[in-house]
Structures are given as C-alpha cells and as structure tokens.
Amino acid sequence: MKQKLIIISALVLLLALLAFMVKDFFFSKPDSINPYDLELNTIRNGDTALTSYSETGQIKTSLDEIHGLATGTSGEILVSGKDGVEIFEATGTLKNKFNIEGTAQCIAVSKNGSILLGMTDHIEIWNNNGTKLSQWNSCGADAVITSIATDGDNVFVADAGQKVVYHFDKKGKLISKIGQKDPATGVPGFIIPSPYFDLGISKDGNLWVVNPGRHSFEKYSFDGRLLSSWGIASMAMEGFCGCCNPSNFAFLHDSLFVTSEKAIERVKIYNPDGSFLCLVAAPAQFEEGTKGLDLAVDSDNRILVLDPVKKYVRIFELKKP
C-alpha cells in the first residue's frame, strides 16, 4: 500500500508539472512573441530616418493587376500587367492602352521605341500603337521571366524559375547564359527563393543583377564575366534582409542605385560603390505586405514606384533645400 501511495503521489506531481508547463507555453506572453516579427514591426512602424524625397504625384492605373514599370524614349511612363499595357504621358495623362493575352510580369523599352514584355516563359515585342510585332521562343516550362534590360543589339532577361540570365540579340537569338554557378571563375550562382529577380544596365555599360538570396548586387560584363559585387545582409537601414531582397532596382542618371524591398516596404538610394546614401520612401508609406515595388527613373530624375496594392504609379522627387 505504501508503495502505491508513493507512485500515486509521484504521478500527481508529474501531472501538476505538466499542467504548469502547458499553461506557461500557451499563456506566457514573452514566449509567444516572435523576436523577428517584433523587430520587423519596430522598423516598419518606427523608422525615423529622415527621407530625402517627397511624394509629389500619383498616376492611377486601370489594369486588374500591375507588375511591370518602364519609361519610354519620349518620357512616357509604361505599366504592364494582367491582359494589358497602359502608356501615360509624363504628366500622368493616359496616352494609350492596349490588350494582351496573359500577364506581362515585366516591361522594357528599346532605344527604337519597341516595347518588350516578359510573359512568364517568353518575350513579346509590341509597338506603342498596340501592334504585336513578334514573339520569341519559350525559355522553357520552368521559366519565370521577371526582368528585361536592353542596350543596342543586346537584350538581357532574368529567369527566376531557372535561376539564370539570358543574353539575346535583338531578334531573340540566344547568345549565352550568365550567372550559372562556376567555382572556377568565382561565380556564386543565383539564390532565388521567390520570383523577385531584377537586372539593369548601368551608364558605364555593365550588367548589374540582383542575387536576392545573397542580398547582393553582382556586376557582369556582357560576355558573362563576374566583375564585382556588393551588398550587406542586415535589418539595419544600410542592408537588405528577409528571404530575398532587394526585390527591384533602377538607376538614377548619375549611376546611383535606387532599390525597393518587400517585408520591409521601403525605397532607398545607394552610391555606385554600394554605400548607403538616403531613404526615398519609408515602410509606413505603403500598405503592410506590399510586394513588387517595381522602379523606374524618368528624364527629370523623378523616381517612379509601382504600387501593386493601390494600383498607382507613385512619383517621388528630391526635396528642395
């Protein structure tokens, strides 16, 4: 009997201990807080860095979804998205709109005025009047085209699905693939956890590609040689964080980098050497959860930000002294 009482007492104590642990797990506030979420909310809602730009205008789009943003040869602002493309004057007045079949995830304009659309797995060429001029071959069933950049006869296309950059000629003939992992040449390979993979051509004629999983920019020659890279993985203002940032970028006329991010929805500017310069738009200026803040810069050095949630092109200009 004594032995049974000892066993029963031990069981009672064990059950009491388990009950305490369960209560502590479900009801203790400190243990229920995700430190990462807490820090993210602190940055998003309490970022007090002085912005050097102010929002001076908005252009309302009418597409059901908007994904791509570019500027034209005569100062037009072009927006691509689900089933269509809209072309606005620099003032924001709608100049033209035409329908397409499918969703153009990205858009670029060549020097001759042709419009290049990234249609998930292939490129289409259109003119300003809404006439389809050509369609290139598919990049493959796994392709997810997210960015296009042109320079003369060269067209570079970012494929987030297959983690590679294609170098085409102006007629769509594949010249080479850029950025595939190669330890012999020091190319690290692209890490792309989500479909945000941007590229652009700098004023000095080099190809810059975001390696979002590494939170860095990589500079390549047109023949695919890795020349340099920069980037800081950090939640601080000067860095990039999360699974894959920056999500988009563009160049100001003096070769400064304009970048945007998701999770921490902000727009920033970096010097050509990669050092942080200033904040353009703070996280609190966007709806929480906004993704796909595509960027462009017009002839007046205004920074154009595509806001897919509000369906605006938002215009930011440097504050006057």
Protein backbone atom coordinates (compact mmCIF):
# COMPACT_ATOMS: atom_id res chain seq x y z
CA MET A 1 0.00 0.00 0.00
CA LYS A 2 2.80 2.41 0.92
CA GLN A 3 4.47 1.78 -2.42
CA LYS A 4 1.19 2.53 -4.26
CA LEU A 5 0.83 5.83 -2.37
CA ILE A 6 4.35 6.83 -3.41
CA ILE A 7 3.57 6.03 -7.03
CA ILE A 8 0.28 7.96 -6.90
CA SER A 9 1.98 10.96 -5.31
CA ALA A 10 4.68 10.93 -7.96
CA LEU A 11 2.03 10.84 -10.70
CA VAL A 12 0.16 13.76 -9.13
CA LEU A 13 3.36 15.80 -9.01
CA LEU A 14 4.15 14.91 -12.62
CA LEU A 15 0.69 15.92 -13.79
CA ALA A 16 0.95 19.20 -11.88
CA LEU A 17 4.30 19.91 -13.50
CA LEU A 18 2.92 19.14 -16.95
CA ALA A 19 -0.08 21.41 -16.33
CA PHE A 20 2.23 24.24 -15.35
CA MET A 21 4.35 23.77 -18.46
CA VAL A 22 1.29 23.74 -20.74
CA LYS A 23 -0.05 26.91 -19.11
CA ASP A 24 3.31 28.59 -19.45
CA PHE A 25 3.58 27.61 -23.11
CA PHE A 26 0.14 28.85 -24.13
CA PHE A 27 -0.36 31.84 -21.89
CA SER A 28 3.07 33.29 -21.19
CA LYS A 29 3.39 36.40 -23.40
CA PRO A 30 7.18 36.61 -23.63
CA ASP A 31 7.47 33.09 -25.05
CA SER A 32 4.66 33.75 -27.57
CA ILE A 33 6.44 36.68 -29.22
CA ASN A 34 8.48 36.09 -32.35
CA PRO A 35 11.57 38.31 -31.92
CA TYR A 36 11.92 38.64 -35.71
CA ASP A 37 8.32 39.85 -36.07
CA LEU A 38 8.80 42.25 -33.19
CA GLU A 39 11.91 43.74 -34.79
CA LEU A 40 10.21 43.90 -38.19
CA ASN A 41 7.22 45.77 -36.74
CA THR A 42 9.53 48.13 -34.88
CA ILE A 43 11.36 49.00 -38.10
CA ARG A 44 8.17 49.26 -40.13
CA ASN A 45 6.27 51.47 -37.72
CA GLY A 46 9.07 53.33 -36.04
CA ASP A 47 11.58 54.06 -38.80
CA THR A 48 12.53 57.64 -38.01
CA ALA A 49 15.23 58.07 -40.66
CA LEU A 50 14.79 61.38 -42.43
CA THR A 51 13.68 60.81 -46.02
CA SER A 52 15.38 62.90 -48.68
CA TYR A 53 12.46 62.61 -51.11
CA SER A 54 8.80 63.56 -51.01
CA GLU A 55 5.87 62.08 -52.90
CA THR A 56 4.72 64.65 -55.46
CA GLY A 57 2.19 62.77 -57.54
CA GLN A 58 0.31 59.58 -58.31
CA ILE A 59 -0.88 58.01 -61.55
CA LYS A 60 -3.93 55.78 -61.26
CA THR A 61 -3.86 52.64 -63.39
CA SER A 62 -6.90 50.66 -64.54
CA LEU A 63 -5.43 47.18 -65.04
CA ASP A 64 -6.69 44.40 -62.76
CA GLU A 65 -3.10 43.59 -61.80
CA ILE A 66 0.05 45.65 -62.34
CA HIS A 67 3.52 44.14 -62.38
CA GLY A 68 5.95 46.00 -64.66
CA LEU A 69 7.09 49.61 -64.95
CA ALA A 70 9.29 51.37 -67.53
CA THR A 71 9.89 54.74 -69.16
CA GLY A 72 9.74 55.40 -72.90
CA THR A 73 12.04 57.20 -75.31
CA SER A 74 9.92 60.37 -75.20
CA GLY A 75 9.30 60.43 -71.46
CA GLU A 76 6.26 58.17 -71.42
CA ILE A 77 5.50 56.00 -68.38
CA LEU A 78 4.52 52.42 -69.22
CA VAL A 79 2.77 49.93 -66.96
CA SER A 80 2.28 46.25 -67.77
CA GLY A 81 0.12 43.69 -66.06
CA LYS A 82 -2.78 41.34 -66.48
CA ASP A 83 -4.21 41.40 -70.02
CA GLY A 84 -2.87 44.82 -70.88
CA VAL A 85 -0.37 47.66 -71.12
CA GLU A 86 -1.01 51.33 -70.33
CA ILE A 87 1.09 54.22 -71.62
CA PHE A 88 0.95 57.58 -69.84
CA GLU A 89 2.40 60.98 -70.63
CA ALA A 90 4.94 62.24 -68.09
CA THR A 91 2.13 64.40 -66.69
CA GLY A 92 0.07 61.29 -65.90
CA THR A 93 -2.42 61.64 -68.74
CA LEU A 94 -3.31 58.32 -70.37
CA LYS A 95 -1.86 58.26 -73.88
CA ASN A 96 -2.75 54.74 -74.98
CA LYS A 97 -3.86 51.38 -73.68
CA PHE A 98 -3.84 48.03 -75.45
CA ASN A 99 -4.82 44.49 -74.61
CA ILE A 100 -2.55 41.45 -74.49
CA GLU A 101 -3.20 37.78 -73.89
CA GLY A 102 -1.91 36.84 -70.45
CA THR A 103 0.09 38.74 -67.85
CA ALA A 104 3.20 40.77 -68.61
CA GLN A 105 5.31 40.36 -65.47
CA CYS A 106 7.89 42.91 -66.67
CA ILE A 107 8.39 45.51 -69.37
CA ALA A 108 11.24 47.37 -71.07
CA VAL A 109 11.54 49.85 -73.94
CA SER A 110 14.34 49.69 -76.51
CA LYS A 111 16.05 52.76 -77.98
CA ASN A 112 13.95 52.44 -81.15
CA GLY A 113 10.77 52.58 -79.07
CA SER A 114 9.79 48.91 -79.25
CA ILE A 115 8.11 47.52 -76.13
CA LEU A 116 9.42 44.23 -74.74
CA LEU A 117 7.08 42.25 -72.50
CA GLY A 118 8.07 39.37 -70.25
CA MET A 119 5.19 36.85 -70.48
CA THR A 120 6.22 34.24 -67.88
CA ASP A 121 8.16 31.96 -70.28
CA HIS A 122 8.76 34.12 -73.37
CA ILE A 123 9.31 37.65 -74.70
CA GLU A 124 6.87 39.54 -76.90
CA ILE A 125 7.69 42.68 -78.94
CA TRP A 126 5.00 45.35 -79.40
CA ASN A 127 4.83 48.92 -80.65
CA ASN A 128 3.20 51.95 -79.00
CA ASN A 129 0.04 51.52 -81.04
CA GLY A 130 -0.62 48.08 -79.59
CA THR A 131 0.51 46.01 -82.56
CA LYS A 132 2.33 42.79 -81.74
CA LEU A 133 5.50 42.66 -83.83
CA SER A 134 7.00 39.32 -82.81
CA GLN A 135 7.13 36.59 -80.19
CA TRP A 136 10.34 34.83 -79.16
CA ASN A 137 10.68 31.15 -78.38
CA SER A 138 9.79 29.88 -74.93
CA CYS A 139 12.60 29.81 -72.36
CA GLY A 140 11.23 26.52 -71.02
CA ALA A 141 8.37 25.10 -68.98
CA ASP A 142 10.05 26.16 -65.71
CA ALA A 143 10.79 29.71 -66.81
CA VAL A 144 9.56 32.67 -64.74
CA ILE A 145 10.70 35.84 -66.50
CA THR A 146 10.93 38.74 -64.07
CA SER A 147 13.08 41.44 -65.70
CA ILE A 148 14.32 42.72 -69.07
CA ALA A 149 17.06 45.21 -69.94
CA THR A 150 18.21 46.34 -73.38
CA ASP A 151 21.30 48.05 -74.75
CA GLY A 152 21.65 48.40 -78.50
CA ASP A 153 21.53 44.92 -80.02
CA ASN A 154 21.74 43.25 -76.59
CA VAL A 155 18.75 42.05 -74.58
CA PHE A 156 19.17 40.56 -71.10
CA VAL A 157 16.37 38.58 -69.48
CA ALA A 158 16.18 37.39 -65.86
CA ASP A 159 14.58 33.98 -65.34
CA ALA A 160 13.74 33.41 -61.66
CA GLY A 161 12.40 29.94 -62.35
CA GLN A 162 15.64 28.60 -63.78
CA LYS A 163 17.92 30.99 -61.85
CA VAL A 164 19.79 32.33 -64.86
CA VAL A 165 20.17 35.44 -67.01
CA TYR A 166 19.80 35.04 -70.78
CA HIS A 167 21.73 37.18 -73.23
CA PHE A 168 19.79 37.51 -76.51
CA ASP A 169 20.36 39.55 -79.63
CA LYS A 170 17.63 41.98 -80.68
CA LYS A 171 15.88 39.30 -82.74
CA GLY A 172 15.66 36.81 -79.90
CA LYS A 173 18.60 34.57 -80.73
CA LEU A 174 20.23 33.22 -77.55
CA ILE A 175 23.87 34.27 -77.26
CA SER A 176 24.73 32.96 -73.80
CA LYS A 177 23.59 32.24 -70.25
CA ILE A 178 25.00 34.34 -67.43
CA GLY A 179 25.33 33.71 -63.69
CA GLN A 180 25.35 29.93 -63.50
CA LYS A 181 27.44 28.69 -60.60
CA ASP A 182 31.07 28.26 -61.57
CA PRO A 183 33.70 27.93 -58.80
CA ALA A 184 36.48 28.20 -61.37
CA THR A 185 35.52 31.77 -62.27
CA GLY A 186 34.13 32.77 -58.87
CA VAL A 187 30.50 33.00 -59.97
CA PRO A 188 28.49 32.01 -56.85
CA GLY A 189 25.21 31.24 -58.63
CA PHE A 190 21.89 32.92 -58.04
CA ILE A 191 19.81 32.09 -54.96
CA ILE A 192 16.18 32.95 -55.72
CA PRO A 193 13.66 31.75 -53.09
CA SER A 194 10.75 33.72 -54.61
CA PRO A 195 10.01 35.27 -58.02
CA TYR A 196 11.89 38.54 -57.47
CA PHE A 197 14.97 38.69 -59.66
CA ASP A 198 15.90 42.03 -61.23
CA LEU A 199 18.61 43.30 -63.55
CA GLY A 200 19.67 46.52 -65.25
CA ILE A 201 22.40 48.14 -67.33
CA SER A 202 24.48 50.92 -65.78
CA LYS A 203 25.64 54.07 -67.55
CA ASP A 204 29.14 52.64 -67.96
CA GLY A 205 27.74 49.70 -69.94
CA ASN A 206 27.84 46.89 -67.41
CA LEU A 207 25.13 44.42 -66.50
CA TRP A 208 24.02 44.51 -62.87
CA VAL A 209 21.98 41.62 -61.47
CA VAL A 210 20.41 41.24 -58.02
CA ASN A 211 21.29 37.99 -56.26
CA PRO A 212 18.34 38.26 -53.87
CA GLY A 213 19.04 35.21 -51.69
CA ARG A 214 22.52 36.61 -51.04
CA HIS A 215 21.21 40.20 -50.54
CA SER A 216 23.73 41.45 -53.06
CA PHE A 217 24.29 43.06 -56.44
CA GLU A 218 26.63 41.44 -58.98
CA LYS A 219 28.25 43.27 -61.89
CA TYR A 220 28.88 41.33 -65.09
CA SER A 221 30.42 42.16 -68.43
CA PHE A 222 28.18 41.45 -71.40
CA ASP A 223 30.17 38.29 -72.09
CA GLY A 224 29.29 36.95 -68.64
CA ARG A 225 32.42 37.65 -66.57
CA LEU A 226 31.75 38.50 -62.93
CA LEU A 227 33.48 41.82 -62.28
CA SER A 228 32.46 42.79 -58.75
CA SER A 229 29.67 42.65 -56.18
CA TRP A 230 28.36 44.49 -53.15
CA GLY A 231 25.67 44.09 -50.50
CA ILE A 232 25.06 43.86 -46.77
CA ALA A 233 22.74 41.31 -45.14
CA SER A 234 21.20 43.26 -42.26
CA MET A 235 17.90 44.59 -40.96
CA ALA A 236 19.59 47.96 -40.49
CA MET A 237 18.85 50.76 -42.93
CA GLU A 238 22.00 50.20 -44.97
CA GLY A 239 21.33 46.48 -45.50
CA PHE A 240 18.87 44.03 -47.03
CA CYS A 241 17.15 41.25 -45.14
CA GLY A 242 14.47 38.58 -45.43
CA CYS A 243 14.47 35.68 -47.84
CA CYS A 244 15.20 37.69 -50.97
CA ASN A 245 15.95 41.39 -51.14
CA PRO A 246 16.24 43.81 -52.79
CA SER A 247 13.25 42.90 -54.91
CA ASN A 248 13.70 45.61 -57.58
CA PHE A 249 16.10 48.35 -58.58
CA ALA A 250 16.74 51.10 -61.12
CA PHE A 251 19.49 53.59 -61.90
CA LEU A 252 19.40 57.34 -61.40
CA HIS A 253 21.15 59.30 -64.12
CA ASP A 254 24.32 59.67 -62.07
CA SER A 255 24.59 55.87 -61.67
CA LEU A 256 23.13 55.81 -58.17
CA PHE A 257 21.15 52.65 -57.33
CA VAL A 258 17.50 53.00 -56.35
CA THR A 259 16.29 49.87 -54.55
CA SER A 260 13.00 48.54 -53.20
CA GLU A 261 12.25 45.74 -50.76
CA LYS A 262 9.42 43.52 -49.61
CA ALA A 263 8.61 42.57 -45.99
CA ILE A 264 10.17 45.91 -45.08
CA GLU A 265 8.47 48.02 -47.74
CA ARG A 266 10.95 50.80 -48.36
CA VAL A 267 12.79 52.54 -51.20
CA LYS A 268 16.43 53.59 -50.77
CA ILE A 269 19.35 55.01 -52.73
CA TYR A 270 22.92 53.70 -52.77
CA ASN A 271 26.11 55.19 -54.15
CA PRO A 272 27.83 53.45 -57.09
CA ASP A 273 30.23 51.77 -54.63
CA GLY A 274 27.31 50.25 -52.71
CA SER A 275 27.38 52.57 -49.70
CA PHE A 276 24.00 53.69 -48.39
CA LEU A 277 23.01 57.25 -49.31
CA CYS A 278 19.44 58.01 -48.26
CA LEU A 279 15.85 56.87 -47.81
CA VAL A 280 13.30 57.69 -50.50
CA ALA A 281 10.16 56.17 -49.00
CA ALA A 282 9.65 54.65 -45.55
CA PRO A 283 7.76 51.41 -44.83
CA ALA A 284 4.80 53.23 -43.27
CA GLN A 285 4.10 54.87 -46.65
CA PHE A 286 2.97 51.51 -48.08
CA GLU A 287 0.29 49.01 -47.13
CA GLU A 288 1.77 46.25 -44.99
CA GLY A 289 2.54 43.20 -47.11
CA THR A 290 3.02 45.13 -50.35
CA LYS A 291 5.26 43.26 -52.79
CA GLY A 292 6.54 44.02 -56.27
CA LEU A 293 7.51 47.69 -55.90
CA ASP A 294 8.94 47.92 -59.39
CA LEU A 295 11.03 51.02 -60.07
CA ALA A 296 11.88 53.36 -62.92
CA VAL A 297 13.52 56.77 -63.29
CA ASP A 298 12.29 59.36 -65.78
CA SER A 299 14.18 62.06 -67.70
CA ASP A 300 13.75 64.53 -64.82
CA ASN A 301 15.33 62.06 -62.36
CA ARG A 302 11.97 61.52 -60.70
CA ILE A 303 11.74 58.12 -59.01
CA LEU A 304 8.68 56.16 -60.12
CA VAL A 305 7.41 53.42 -57.81
CA LEU A 306 4.81 50.87 -58.89
CA ASP A 307 2.37 50.18 -56.05
CA PRO A 308 0.51 46.94 -56.92
CA VAL A 309 -1.80 47.17 -53.89
CA LYS A 310 -3.06 50.70 -54.50
CA LYS A 311 -2.61 50.29 -58.29
CA TYR A 312 -0.74 53.57 -58.59
CA VAL A 313 2.48 54.74 -60.09
CA ARG A 314 3.78 56.88 -57.26
CA ILE A 315 6.16 59.74 -58.05
CA PHE A 316 8.96 60.83 -55.68
CA GLU A 317 11.19 63.86 -56.11
CA LEU A 318 14.22 65.09 -54.22
CA LYS A 319 13.26 67.58 -51.53
CA LYS A 320 14.34 71.14 -52.18
CA PRO A 321 16.83 72.63 -49.69
